[in-house]
Amino acid sequence: MNQDQLQRKRDREKQVVREMIALYCRKNHRHPDGLCPACAALDAYARQRSDRCPFMENKTFCSNCRVHCYNREMREQIRRVMRFSGPRMLLHHPVMALRHVIESRREKQRMKKEGG
């Protein structure tokens, strides 16, 4: 994978996470100016983790990674966001959601073949 492809992959992952956080925040926190401070901090943290990920070339999404680099508090927050927003993404961002599901399943199958 060349650097342009890798950067597009990082950008796509960050876009999916940002949309999920925004959906969660809109529905739960109703902050008038975009993301509330806690969700903005989570988004910034997720972007930083994605930018520094050494495994980006070999994985699809953080949920499929064998190494979880989020600290405990942020990991719990992102799990809460994913549980809430995941099913709702089909209504709000159907193409993005379907792409995510397809890529995640492919990655899990690939990991299963490598591991077993």
PDB file of N, CA and C in Angstrom:
ATOM      1  N   MET A   1       0.856  -1.177   0.000  1.00  0.00           N
ATOM      2  CA  MET A   1       0.000   0.000   0.000  1.00  0.00           C
ATOM      3  C   MET A   1       0.901   1.238   0.000  1.00  0.00           C
ATOM      4  N   ASN A   2       0.667   2.145  -0.955  1.00  0.00           N
ATOM      5  CA  ASN A   2       1.496   3.351  -0.994  1.00  0.00           C
ATOM      6  C   ASN A   2       0.977   4.386   0.006  1.00  0.00           C
ATOM      7  N   GLN A   3       1.721   5.472   0.147  1.00  0.00           N
ATOM      8  CA  GLN A   3       1.384   6.487   1.157  1.00  0.00           C
ATOM      9  C   GLN A   3       0.042   7.172   0.894  1.00  0.00           C
ATOM     10  N   ASP A   4      -0.296   7.387  -0.382  1.00  0.00           N
ATOM     11  CA  ASP A   4      -1.588   8.007  -0.703  1.00  0.00           C
ATOM     12  C   ASP A   4      -2.749   7.105  -0.307  1.00  0.00           C
ATOM     13  N   GLN A   5      -2.633   5.818  -0.602  1.00  0.00           N
ATOM     14  CA  GLN A   5      -3.682   4.862  -0.240  1.00  0.00           C
ATOM     15  C   GLN A   5      -3.811   4.765   1.275  1.00  0.00           C
ATOM     16  N   LEU A   6      -2.671   4.740   1.949  1.00  0.00           N
ATOM     17  CA  LEU A   6      -2.676   4.659   3.407  1.00  0.00           C
ATOM     18  C   LEU A   6      -3.339   5.891   4.018  1.00  0.00           C
ATOM     19  N   GLN A   7      -3.036   7.061   3.472  1.00  0.00           N
ATOM     20  CA  GLN A   7      -3.645   8.287   3.986  1.00  0.00           C
ATOM     21  C   GLN A   7      -5.144   8.308   3.737  1.00  0.00           C
ATOM     22  N   ARG A   8      -5.585   7.858   2.561  1.00  0.00           N
ATOM     23  CA  ARG A   8      -7.023   7.790   2.286  1.00  0.00           C
ATOM     24  C   ARG A   8      -7.704   6.836   3.262  1.00  0.00           C
ATOM     25  N   LYS A   9      -7.049   5.736   3.577  1.00  0.00           N
ATOM     26  CA  LYS A   9      -7.605   4.769   4.523  1.00  0.00           C
ATOM     27  C   LYS A   9      -7.740   5.393   5.918  1.00  0.00           C
ATOM     28  N   ARG A  10      -6.702   6.092   6.353  1.00  0.00           N
ATOM     29  CA  ARG A  10      -6.761   6.787   7.648  1.00  0.00           C
ATOM     30  C   ARG A  10      -7.892   7.811   7.651  1.00  0.00           C
ATOM     31  N   ASP A  11      -7.970   8.589   6.583  1.00  0.00           N
ATOM     32  CA  ASP A  11      -8.998   9.624   6.494  1.00  0.00           C
ATOM     33  C   ASP A  11     -10.393   9.023   6.525  1.00  0.00           C
ATOM     34  N   ARG A  12     -10.600   7.900   5.833  1.00  0.00           N
ATOM     35  CA  ARG A  12     -11.911   7.250   5.819  1.00  0.00           C
ATOM     36  C   ARG A  12     -12.261   6.737   7.215  1.00  0.00           C
ATOM     37  N   GLU A  13     -11.291   6.138   7.909  1.00  0.00           N
ATOM     38  CA  GLU A  13     -11.560   5.659   9.259  1.00  0.00           C
ATOM     39  C   GLU A  13     -11.911   6.818  10.186  1.00  0.00           C
ATOM     40  N   LYS A  14     -11.183   7.903  10.083  1.00  0.00           N
ATOM     41  CA  LYS A  14     -11.469   9.069  10.924  1.00  0.00           C
ATOM     42  C   LYS A  14     -12.839   9.652  10.604  1.00  0.00           C
ATOM     43  N   GLN A  15     -13.232   9.642   9.334  1.00  0.00           N
ATOM     44  CA  GLN A  15     -14.543  10.148   8.935  1.00  0.00           C
ATOM     45  C   GLN A  15     -15.663   9.304   9.541  1.00  0.00           C
ATOM     46  N   VAL A  16     -15.512   7.990   9.495  1.00  0.00           N
ATOM     47  CA  VAL A  16     -16.533   7.097  10.068  1.00  0.00           C
ATOM     48  C   VAL A  16     -16.667   7.354  11.561  1.00  0.00           C
ATOM     49  N   VAL A  17     -15.539   7.418  12.260  1.00  0.00           N
ATOM     50  CA  VAL A  17     -15.573   7.642  13.717  1.00  0.00           C
ATOM     51  C   VAL A  17     -16.170   9.004  14.031  1.00  0.00           C
ATOM     52  N   ARG A  18     -15.792  10.013  13.268  1.00  0.00           N
ATOM     53  CA  ARG A  18     -16.326  11.364  13.513  1.00  0.00           C
ATOM     54  C   ARG A  18     -17.846  11.391  13.333  1.00  0.00           C
ATOM     55  N   GLU A  19     -18.339  10.741  12.289  1.00  0.00           N
ATOM     56  CA  GLU A  19     -19.787  10.711  12.046  1.00  0.00           C
ATOM     57  C   GLU A  19     -20.512   9.960  13.165  1.00  0.00           C
ATOM     58  N   MET A  20     -19.908   8.889  13.656  1.00  0.00           N
ATOM     59  CA  MET A  20     -20.537   8.123  14.734  1.00  0.00           C
ATOM     60  C   MET A  20     -20.577   8.936  16.027  1.00  0.00           C
ATOM     61  N   ILE A  21     -19.493   9.628  16.321  1.00  0.00           N
ATOM     62  CA  ILE A  21     -19.448  10.474  17.517  1.00  0.00           C
ATOM     63  C   ILE A  21     -20.459  11.616  17.380  1.00  0.00           C
ATOM     64  N   ALA A  22     -20.530  12.224  16.203  1.00  0.00           N
ATOM     65  CA  ALA A  22     -21.472  13.337  15.984  1.00  0.00           C
ATOM     66  C   ALA A  22     -22.918  12.874  16.146  1.00  0.00           C
ATOM     67  N   LEU A  23     -23.231  11.715  15.615  1.00  0.00           N
ATOM     68  CA  LEU A  23     -24.583  11.158  15.753  1.00  0.00           C
ATOM     69  C   LEU A  23     -24.912  10.907  17.226  1.00  0.00           C
ATOM     70  N   TYR A  24     -23.988  10.294  17.931  1.00  0.00           N
ATOM     71  CA  TYR A  24     -24.171  10.018  19.358  1.00  0.00           C
ATOM     72  C   TYR A  24     -24.397  11.326  20.130  1.00  0.00           C
ATOM     73  N   CYS A  25     -23.551  12.306  19.865  1.00  0.00           N
ATOM     74  CA  CYS A  25     -23.630  13.571  20.594  1.00  0.00           C
ATOM     75  C   CYS A  25     -24.936  14.308  20.295  1.00  0.00           C
ATOM     76  N   ARG A  26     -25.322  14.348  19.012  1.00  0.00           N
ATOM     77  CA  ARG A  26     -26.582  15.018  18.640  1.00  0.00           C
ATOM     78  C   ARG A  26     -27.774  14.417  19.360  1.00  0.00           C
ATOM     79  N   LYS A  27     -27.814  13.086  19.425  1.00  0.00           N
ATOM     80  CA  LYS A  27     -28.974  12.406  19.993  1.00  0.00           C
ATOM     81  C   LYS A  27     -28.960  12.357  21.527  1.00  0.00           C
ATOM     82  N   ASN A  28     -27.779  12.382  22.132  1.00  0.00           N
ATOM     83  CA  ASN A  28     -27.686  12.220  23.586  1.00  0.00           C
ATOM     84  C   ASN A  28     -27.376  13.507  24.342  1.00  0.00           C
ATOM     85  N   HIS A  29     -26.589  14.384  23.752  1.00  0.00           N
ATOM     86  CA  HIS A  29     -26.157  15.574  24.484  1.00  0.00           C
ATOM     87  C   HIS A  29     -26.824  16.847  23.995  1.00  0.00           C
ATOM     88  N   ARG A  30     -27.336  16.820  22.782  1.00  0.00           N
ATOM     89  CA  ARG A  30     -28.041  17.968  22.204  1.00  0.00           C
ATOM     90  C   ARG A  30     -27.287  19.287  22.371  1.00  0.00           C
ATOM     91  N   HIS A  31     -25.990  19.233  22.167  1.00  0.00           N
ATOM     92  CA  HIS A  31     -25.157  20.428  22.279  1.00  0.00           C
ATOM     93  C   HIS A  31     -25.460  21.356  21.097  1.00  0.00           C
ATOM     94  N   PRO A  32     -25.693  22.635  21.350  1.00  0.00           N
ATOM     95  CA  PRO A  32     -26.129  23.540  20.278  1.00  0.00           C
ATOM     96  C   PRO A  32     -25.064  23.824  19.208  1.00  0.00           C
ATOM     97  N   ASP A  33     -23.802  23.709  19.534  1.00  0.00           N
ATOM     98  CA  ASP A  33     -22.721  24.080  18.613  1.00  0.00           C
ATOM     99  C   ASP A  33     -21.883  22.878  18.197  1.00  0.00           C
ATOM    100  N   GLY A  34     -22.485  21.900  17.561  1.00  0.00           N
ATOM    101  CA  GLY A  34     -21.715  20.727  17.125  1.00  0.00           C
ATOM    102  C   GLY A  34     -21.493  19.761  18.267  1.00  0.00           C
ATOM    103  N   LEU A  35     -20.245  19.351  18.442  1.00  0.00           N
ATOM    104  CA  LEU A  35     -19.921  18.386  19.495  1.00  0.00           C
ATOM    105  C   LEU A  35     -19.782  19.058  20.851  1.00  0.00           C
ATOM    106  N   CYS A  36     -20.263  18.384  21.882  1.00  0.00           N
ATOM    107  CA  CYS A  36     -20.042  18.866  23.244  1.00  0.00           C
ATOM    108  C   CYS A  36     -18.551  18.687  23.564  1.00  0.00           C
ATOM    109  N   PRO A  37     -18.058  19.296  24.625  1.00  0.00           N
ATOM    110  CA  PRO A  37     -16.631  19.185  24.935  1.00  0.00           C
ATOM    111  C   PRO A  37     -16.144  17.735  25.111  1.00  0.00           C
ATOM    112  N   ALA A  38     -16.937  16.893  25.753  1.00  0.00           N
ATOM    113  CA  ALA A  38     -16.512  15.501  25.965  1.00  0.00           C
ATOM    114  C   ALA A  38     -16.417  14.748  24.639  1.00  0.00           C
ATOM    115  N   CYS A  39     -17.382  14.947  23.761  1.00  0.00           N
ATOM    116  CA  CYS A  39     -17.364  14.263  22.459  1.00  0.00           C
ATOM    117  C   CYS A  39     -16.271  14.835  21.562  1.00  0.00           C
ATOM    118  N   ALA A  40     -16.038  16.133  21.648  1.00  0.00           N
ATOM    119  CA  ALA A  40     -14.948  16.743  20.880  1.00  0.00           C
ATOM    120  C   ALA A  40     -13.605  16.171  21.327  1.00  0.00           C
ATOM    121  N   ALA A  41     -13.447  15.969  22.636  1.00  0.00           N
ATOM    122  CA  ALA A  41     -12.203  15.382  23.150  1.00  0.00           C
ATOM    123  C   ALA A  41     -12.053  13.934  22.677  1.00  0.00           C
ATOM    124  N   LEU A  42     -13.139  13.185  22.676  1.00  0.00           N
ATOM    125  CA  LEU A  42     -13.098  11.806  22.192  1.00  0.00           C
ATOM    126  C   LEU A  42     -12.734  11.775  20.708  1.00  0.00           C
ATOM    127  N   ASP A  43     -13.316  12.666  19.917  1.00  0.00           N
ATOM    128  CA  ASP A  43     -13.002  12.732  18.486  1.00  0.00           C
ATOM    129  C   ASP A  43     -11.527  13.065  18.273  1.00  0.00           C
ATOM    130  N   ALA A  44     -11.014  14.032  18.993  1.00  0.00           N
ATOM    131  CA  ALA A  44      -9.598  14.407  18.866  1.00  0.00           C
ATOM    132  C   ALA A  44      -8.697  13.231  19.259  1.00  0.00           C
ATOM    133  N   TYR A  45      -9.065  12.535  20.318  1.00  0.00           N
ATOM    134  CA  TYR A  45      -8.290  11.386  20.779  1.00  0.00           C
ATOM    135  C   TYR A  45      -8.304  10.282  19.718  1.00  0.00           C
ATOM    136  N   ALA A  46      -9.470   9.997  19.151  1.00  0.00           N
ATOM    137  CA  ALA A  46      -9.590   8.958  18.126  1.00  0.00           C
ATOM    138  C   ALA A  46      -8.768   9.312  16.895  1.00  0.00           C
ATOM    139  N   ARG A  47      -8.776  10.572  16.503  1.00  0.00           N
ATOM    140  CA  ARG A  47      -7.979  11.016  15.355  1.00  0.00           C
ATOM    141  C   ARG A  47      -6.485  10.844  15.622  1.00  0.00           C
ATOM    142  N   GLN A  48      -6.083  11.203  16.827  1.00  0.00           N
ATOM    143  CA  GLN A  48      -4.675  11.056  17.197  1.00  0.00           C
ATOM    144  C   GLN A  48      -4.255   9.587  17.157  1.00  0.00           C
ATOM    145  N   ARG A  49      -5.088   8.720  17.700  1.00  0.00           N
ATOM    146  CA  ARG A  49      -4.787   7.288  17.696  1.00  0.00           C
ATOM    147  C   ARG A  49      -4.681   6.772  16.258  1.00  0.00           C
ATOM    148  N   SER A  50      -5.572   7.204  15.410  1.00  0.00           N
ATOM    149  CA  SER A  50      -5.551   6.773  14.014  1.00  0.00           C
ATOM    150  C   SER A  50      -4.293   7.279  13.298  1.00  0.00           C
ATOM    151  N   ASP A  51      -3.934   8.533  13.545  1.00  0.00           N
ATOM    152  CA  ASP A  51      -2.741   9.107  12.912  1.00  0.00           C
ATOM    153  C   ASP A  51      -1.467   8.383  13.330  1.00  0.00           C
ATOM    154  N   ARG A  52      -1.432   7.859  14.522  1.00  0.00           N
ATOM    155  CA  ARG A  52      -0.230   7.205  15.042  1.00  0.00           C
ATOM    156  C   ARG A  52      -0.243   5.681  14.919  1.00  0.00           C
ATOM    157  N   CYS A  53      -1.301   5.139  14.337  1.00  0.00           N
ATOM    158  CA  CYS A  53      -1.448   3.685  14.283  1.00  0.00           C
ATOM    159  C   CYS A  53      -0.392   3.043  13.376  1.00  0.00           C
ATOM    160  N   PRO A  54       0.439   2.161  13.929  1.00  0.00           N
ATOM    161  CA  PRO A  54       1.439   1.485  13.108  1.00  0.00           C
ATOM    162  C   PRO A  54       0.870   0.307  12.312  1.00  0.00           C
ATOM    163  N   PHE A  55      -0.368  -0.077  12.595  1.00  0.00           N
ATOM    164  CA  PHE A  55      -0.978  -1.244  11.961  1.00  0.00           C
ATOM    165  C   PHE A  55      -1.986  -0.874  10.874  1.00  0.00           C
ATOM    166  N   MET A  56      -2.105   0.405  10.560  1.00  0.00           N
ATOM    167  CA  MET A  56      -3.132   0.871   9.631  1.00  0.00           C
ATOM    168  C   MET A  56      -3.081   0.123   8.294  1.00  0.00           C
ATOM    169  N   GLU A  57      -1.909  -0.174   7.823  1.00  0.00           N
ATOM    170  CA  GLU A  57      -1.775  -0.829   6.522  1.00  0.00           C
ATOM    171  C   GLU A  57      -2.382  -2.232   6.528  1.00  0.00           C
ATOM    172  N   ASN A  58      -2.392  -2.890   7.690  1.00  0.00           N
ATOM    173  CA  ASN A  58      -2.816  -4.288   7.770  1.00  0.00           C
ATOM    174  C   ASN A  58      -4.180  -4.515   8.405  1.00  0.00           C
ATOM    175  N   LYS A  59      -4.851  -3.462   8.824  1.00  0.00           N
ATOM    176  CA  LYS A  59      -6.149  -3.647   9.485  1.00  0.00           C
ATOM    177  C   LYS A  59      -7.198  -2.776   8.824  1.00  0.00           C
ATOM    178  N   THR A  60      -8.438  -3.062   9.116  1.00  0.00           N
ATOM    179  CA  THR A  60      -9.504  -2.225   8.589  1.00  0.00           C
ATOM    180  C   THR A  60      -9.907  -1.177   9.615  1.00  0.00           C
ATOM    181  N   PHE A  61     -10.375  -1.599  10.770  1.00  0.00           N
ATOM    182  CA  PHE A  61     -10.843  -0.663  11.790  1.00  0.00           C
ATOM    183  C   PHE A  61     -10.279  -1.056  13.151  1.00  0.00           C
ATOM    184  N   CYS A  62     -10.271  -0.124  14.059  1.00  0.00           N
ATOM    185  CA  CYS A  62      -9.725  -0.369  15.395  1.00  0.00           C
ATOM    186  C   CYS A  62     -10.390  -1.556  16.086  1.00  0.00           C
ATOM    187  N   SER A  63     -11.671  -1.742  15.839  1.00  0.00           N
ATOM    188  CA  SER A  63     -12.382  -2.849  16.488  1.00  0.00           C
ATOM    189  C   SER A  63     -11.825  -4.208  16.073  1.00  0.00           C
ATOM    190  N   ASN A  64     -11.145  -4.271  14.934  1.00  0.00           N
ATOM    191  CA  ASN A  64     -10.559  -5.525  14.458  1.00  0.00           C
ATOM    192  C   ASN A  64      -9.094  -5.687  14.838  1.00  0.00           C
ATOM    193  N   CYS A  65      -8.537  -4.716  15.494  1.00  0.00           N
ATOM    194  CA  CYS A  65      -7.118  -4.735  15.816  1.00  0.00           C
ATOM    195  C   CYS A  65      -6.843  -5.602  17.044  1.00  0.00           C
ATOM    196  N   ARG A  66      -5.722  -6.280  17.013  1.00  0.00           N
ATOM    197  CA  ARG A  66      -5.336  -7.123  18.158  1.00  0.00           C
ATOM    198  C   ARG A  66      -4.728  -6.302  19.293  1.00  0.00           C
ATOM    199  N   VAL A  67      -4.234  -5.115  18.976  1.00  0.00           N
ATOM    200  CA  VAL A  67      -3.635  -4.225  19.969  1.00  0.00           C
ATOM    201  C   VAL A  67      -4.587  -3.053  20.162  1.00  0.00           C
ATOM    202  N   HIS A  68      -5.075  -2.876  21.381  1.00  0.00           N
ATOM    203  CA  HIS A  68      -5.987  -1.764  21.652  1.00  0.00           C
ATOM    204  C   HIS A  68      -5.204  -0.646  22.327  1.00  0.00           C
ATOM    205  N   CYS A  69      -5.009   0.440  21.599  1.00  0.00           N
ATOM    206  CA  CYS A  69      -4.150   1.523  22.078  1.00  0.00           C
ATOM    207  C   CYS A  69      -4.914   2.617  22.814  1.00  0.00           C
ATOM    208  N   TYR A  70      -6.238   2.530  22.881  1.00  0.00           N
ATOM    209  CA  TYR A  70      -7.012   3.523  23.620  1.00  0.00           C
ATOM    210  C   TYR A  70      -6.832   3.273  25.119  1.00  0.00           C
ATOM    211  N   ASN A  71      -6.753   4.361  25.896  1.00  0.00           N
ATOM    212  CA  ASN A  71      -6.721   4.157  27.343  1.00  0.00           C
ATOM    213  C   ASN A  71      -8.104   3.685  27.794  1.00  0.00           C
ATOM    214  N   ARG A  72      -8.179   3.159  28.977  1.00  0.00           N
ATOM    215  CA  ARG A  72      -9.405   2.505  29.465  1.00  0.00           C
ATOM    216  C   ARG A  72     -10.636   3.416  29.372  1.00  0.00           C
ATOM    217  N   GLU A  73     -10.513   4.649  29.828  1.00  0.00           N
ATOM    218  CA  GLU A  73     -11.658   5.567  29.840  1.00  0.00           C
ATOM    219  C   GLU A  73     -12.143   5.869  28.417  1.00  0.00           C
ATOM    220  N   MET A  74     -11.220   6.174  27.536  1.00  0.00           N
ATOM    221  CA  MET A  74     -11.592   6.483  26.146  1.00  0.00           C
ATOM    222  C   MET A  74     -12.138   5.244  25.429  1.00  0.00           C
ATOM    223  N   ARG A  75     -11.600   4.086  25.747  1.00  0.00           N
ATOM    224  CA  ARG A  75     -12.095   2.849  25.134  1.00  0.00           C
ATOM    225  C   ARG A  75     -13.551   2.616  25.517  1.00  0.00           C
ATOM    226  N   GLU A  76     -13.891   2.865  26.770  1.00  0.00           N
ATOM    227  CA  GLU A  76     -15.286   2.716  27.211  1.00  0.00           C
ATOM    228  C   GLU A  76     -16.193   3.733  26.529  1.00  0.00           C
ATOM    229  N   GLN A  77     -15.703   4.958  26.404  1.00  0.00           N
ATOM    230  CA  GLN A  77     -16.505   5.991  25.740  1.00  0.00           C
ATOM    231  C   GLN A  77     -16.753   5.641  24.275  1.00  0.00           C
ATOM    232  N   ILE A  78     -15.718   5.190  23.567  1.00  0.00           N
ATOM    233  CA  ILE A  78     -15.892   4.886  22.147  1.00  0.00           C
ATOM    234  C   ILE A  78     -16.776   3.656  21.970  1.00  0.00           C
ATOM    235  N   ARG A  79     -16.705   2.713  22.874  1.00  0.00           N
ATOM    236  CA  ARG A  79     -17.604   1.552  22.814  1.00  0.00           C
ATOM    237  C   ARG A  79     -19.065   1.986  22.970  1.00  0.00           C
ATOM    238  N   ARG A  80     -19.303   2.893  23.894  1.00  0.00           N
ATOM    239  CA  ARG A  80     -20.662   3.407  24.110  1.00  0.00           C
ATOM    240  C   ARG A  80     -21.165   4.096  22.839  1.00  0.00           C
ATOM    241  N   VAL A  81     -20.312   4.900  22.246  1.00  0.00           N
ATOM    242  CA  VAL A  81     -20.661   5.593  21.003  1.00  0.00           C
ATOM    243  C   VAL A  81     -20.952   4.580  19.896  1.00  0.00           C
ATOM    244  N   MET A  82     -20.098   3.583  19.751  1.00  0.00           N
ATOM    245  CA  MET A  82     -20.258   2.590  18.674  1.00  0.00           C
ATOM    246  C   MET A  82     -21.540   1.774  18.862  1.00  0.00           C
ATOM    247  N   ARG A  83     -21.818   1.380  20.075  1.00  0.00           N
ATOM    248  CA  ARG A  83     -23.048   0.612  20.343  1.00  0.00           C
ATOM    249  C   ARG A  83     -24.296   1.419  19.998  1.00  0.00           C
ATOM    250  N   PHE A  84     -24.261   2.687  20.320  1.00  0.00           N
ATOM    251  CA  PHE A  84     -25.404   3.536  20.047  1.00  0.00           C
ATOM    252  C   PHE A  84     -25.503   3.875  18.556  1.00  0.00           C
ATOM    253  N   SER A  85     -24.410   4.338  17.987  1.00  0.00           N
ATOM    254  CA  SER A  85     -24.428   4.872  16.630  1.00  0.00           C
ATOM    255  C   SER A  85     -24.392   3.809  15.540  1.00  0.00           C
ATOM    256  N   GLY A  86     -23.779   2.674  15.812  1.00  0.00           N
ATOM    257  CA  GLY A  86     -23.635   1.642  14.791  1.00  0.00           C
ATOM    258  C   GLY A  86     -24.929   1.315  14.068  1.00  0.00           C
ATOM    259  N   PRO A  87     -25.968   0.898  14.788  1.00  0.00           N
ATOM    260  CA  PRO A  87     -27.226   0.571  14.117  1.00  0.00           C
ATOM    261  C   PRO A  87     -27.877   1.781  13.444  1.00  0.00           C
ATOM    262  N   ARG A  88     -27.699   2.960  13.991  1.00  0.00           N
ATOM    263  CA  ARG A  88     -28.325   4.164  13.450  1.00  0.00           C
ATOM    264  C   ARG A  88     -27.617   4.699  12.206  1.00  0.00           C
ATOM    265  N   MET A  89     -26.378   4.273  12.015  1.00  0.00           N
ATOM    266  CA  MET A  89     -25.632   4.731  10.836  1.00  0.00           C
ATOM    267  C   MET A  89     -26.307   4.275   9.546  1.00  0.00           C
ATOM    268  N   LEU A  90     -27.011   3.160   9.568  1.00  0.00           N
ATOM    269  CA  LEU A  90     -27.712   2.693   8.373  1.00  0.00           C
ATOM    270  C   LEU A  90     -28.746   3.709   7.896  1.00  0.00           C
ATOM    271  N   LEU A  91     -29.358   4.417   8.826  1.00  0.00           N
ATOM    272  CA  LEU A  91     -30.343   5.437   8.462  1.00  0.00           C
ATOM    273  C   LEU A  91     -29.700   6.767   8.079  1.00  0.00           C
ATOM    274  N   HIS A  92     -28.639   7.139   8.779  1.00  0.00           N
ATOM    275  CA  HIS A  92     -28.035   8.451   8.589  1.00  0.00           C
ATOM    276  C   HIS A  92     -26.939   8.473   7.522  1.00  0.00           C
ATOM    277  N   HIS A  93     -26.195   7.391   7.411  1.00  0.00           N
ATOM    278  CA  HIS A  93     -25.084   7.292   6.454  1.00  0.00           C
ATOM    279  C   HIS A  93     -25.026   5.863   5.912  1.00  0.00           C
ATOM    280  N   PRO A  94     -26.004   5.467   5.101  1.00  0.00           N
ATOM    281  CA  PRO A  94     -26.109   4.060   4.680  1.00  0.00           C
ATOM    282  C   PRO A  94     -24.908   3.533   3.899  1.00  0.00           C
ATOM    283  N   VAL A  95     -24.360   4.304   2.992  1.00  0.00           N
ATOM    284  CA  VAL A  95     -23.214   3.825   2.205  1.00  0.00           C
ATOM    285  C   VAL A  95     -22.004   3.614   3.107  1.00  0.00           C
ATOM    286  N   MET A  96     -21.755   4.577   3.969  1.00  0.00           N
ATOM    287  CA  MET A  96     -20.639   4.475   4.903  1.00  0.00           C
ATOM    288  C   MET A  96     -20.820   3.264   5.816  1.00  0.00           C
ATOM    289  N   ALA A  97     -22.020   3.054   6.294  1.00  0.00           N
ATOM    290  CA  ALA A  97     -22.303   1.941   7.200  1.00  0.00           C
ATOM    291  C   ALA A  97     -22.110   0.592   6.502  1.00  0.00           C
ATOM    292  N   LEU A  98     -22.630   0.461   5.303  1.00  0.00           N
ATOM    293  CA  LEU A  98     -22.482  -0.803   4.580  1.00  0.00           C
ATOM    294  C   LEU A  98     -21.025  -1.093   4.240  1.00  0.00           C
ATOM    295  N   ARG A  99     -20.306  -0.089   3.827  1.00  0.00           N
ATOM    296  CA  ARG A  99     -18.872  -0.270   3.544  1.00  0.00           C
ATOM    297  C   ARG A  99     -18.138  -0.746   4.798  1.00  0.00           C
ATOM    298  N   HIS A 100     -18.472  -0.154   5.920  1.00  0.00           N
ATOM    299  CA  HIS A 100     -17.841  -0.514   7.189  1.00  0.00           C
ATOM    300  C   HIS A 100     -18.127  -1.980   7.546  1.00  0.00           C
ATOM    301  N   VAL A 101     -19.364  -2.398   7.408  1.00  0.00           N
ATOM    302  CA  VAL A 101     -19.746  -3.781   7.726  1.00  0.00           C
ATOM    303  C   VAL A 101     -19.017  -4.759   6.804  1.00  0.00           C
ATOM    304  N   ILE A 102     -19.008  -4.468   5.522  1.00  0.00           N
ATOM    305  CA  ILE A 102     -18.356  -5.365   4.558  1.00  0.00           C
ATOM    306  C   ILE A 102     -16.858  -5.464   4.837  1.00  0.00           C
ATOM    307  N   GLU A 103     -16.208  -4.346   5.029  1.00  0.00           N
ATOM    308  CA  GLU A 103     -14.772  -4.358   5.288  1.00  0.00           C
ATOM    309  C   GLU A 103     -14.444  -5.046   6.610  1.00  0.00           C
ATOM    310  N   SER A 104     -15.267  -4.841   7.626  1.00  0.00           N
ATOM    311  CA  SER A 104     -15.033  -5.489   8.924  1.00  0.00           C
ATOM    312  C   SER A 104     -15.155  -7.002   8.822  1.00  0.00           C
ATOM    313  N   ARG A 105     -16.151  -7.467   8.118  1.00  0.00           N
ATOM    314  CA  ARG A 105     -16.331  -8.914   7.954  1.00  0.00           C
ATOM    315  C   ARG A 105     -15.179  -9.532   7.182  1.00  0.00           C
ATOM    316  N   ARG A 106     -14.744  -8.868   6.131  1.00  0.00           N
ATOM    317  CA  ARG A 106     -13.589  -9.363   5.366  1.00  0.00           C
ATOM    318  C   ARG A 106     -12.358  -9.476   6.255  1.00  0.00           C
ATOM    319  N   GLU A 107     -12.143  -8.442   7.057  1.00  0.00           N
ATOM    320  CA  GLU A 107     -10.976  -8.428   7.939  1.00  0.00           C
ATOM    321  C   GLU A 107     -11.059  -9.544   8.974  1.00  0.00           C
ATOM    322  N   LYS A 108     -12.219  -9.756   9.556  1.00  0.00           N
ATOM    323  CA  LYS A 108     -12.369 -10.825  10.552  1.00  0.00           C
ATOM    324  C   LYS A 108     -12.127 -12.192   9.929  1.00  0.00           C
ATOM    325  N   GLN A 109     -12.587 -12.389   8.694  1.00  0.00           N
ATOM    326  CA  GLN A 109     -12.341 -13.657   8.001  1.00  0.00           C
ATOM    327  C   GLN A 109     -10.844 -13.831   7.719  1.00  0.00           C
ATOM    328  N   ARG A 110     -10.199 -12.759   7.301  1.00  0.00           N
ATOM    329  CA  ARG A 110      -8.759 -12.823   7.034  1.00  0.00           C
ATOM    330  C   ARG A 110      -7.983 -13.161   8.298  1.00  0.00           C
ATOM    331  N   MET A 111      -8.360 -12.517   9.402  1.00  0.00           N
ATOM    332  CA  MET A 111      -7.673 -12.767  10.680  1.00  0.00           C
ATOM    333  C   MET A 111      -7.905 -14.211  11.133  1.00  0.00           C
ATOM    334  N   LYS A 112      -9.099 -14.721  10.907  1.00  0.00           N
ATOM    335  CA  LYS A 112      -9.424 -16.090  11.298  1.00  0.00           C
ATOM    336  C   LYS A 112      -8.558 -17.091  10.527  1.00  0.00           C
ATOM    337  N   LYS A 113      -8.388 -16.849   9.228  1.00  0.00           N
ATOM    338  CA  LYS A 113      -7.552 -17.717   8.398  1.00  0.00           C
ATOM    339  C   LYS A 113      -6.092 -17.689   8.847  1.00  0.00           C
ATOM    340  N   GLU A 114      -5.601 -16.509   9.178  1.00  0.00           N
ATOM    341  CA  GLU A 114      -4.221 -16.372   9.622  1.00  0.00           C
ATOM    342  C   GLU A 114      -4.007 -17.019  10.988  1.00  0.00           C
ATOM    343  N   GLY A 115      -4.993 -16.902  11.862  1.00  0.00           N
ATOM    344  CA  GLY A 115      -4.865 -17.426  13.220  1.00  0.00           C
ATOM    345  C   GLY A 115      -5.124 -18.906  13.338  1.00  0.00           C
ATOM    346  N   GLY A 116      -5.843 -19.495  12.414  1.00  0.00           N
ATOM    347  CA  GLY A 116      -6.249 -20.885  12.582  1.00  0.00           C
ATOM    348  C   GLY A 116      -6.011 -21.726  11.469  1.00  0.00           C
TER     349      GLY A 116
END
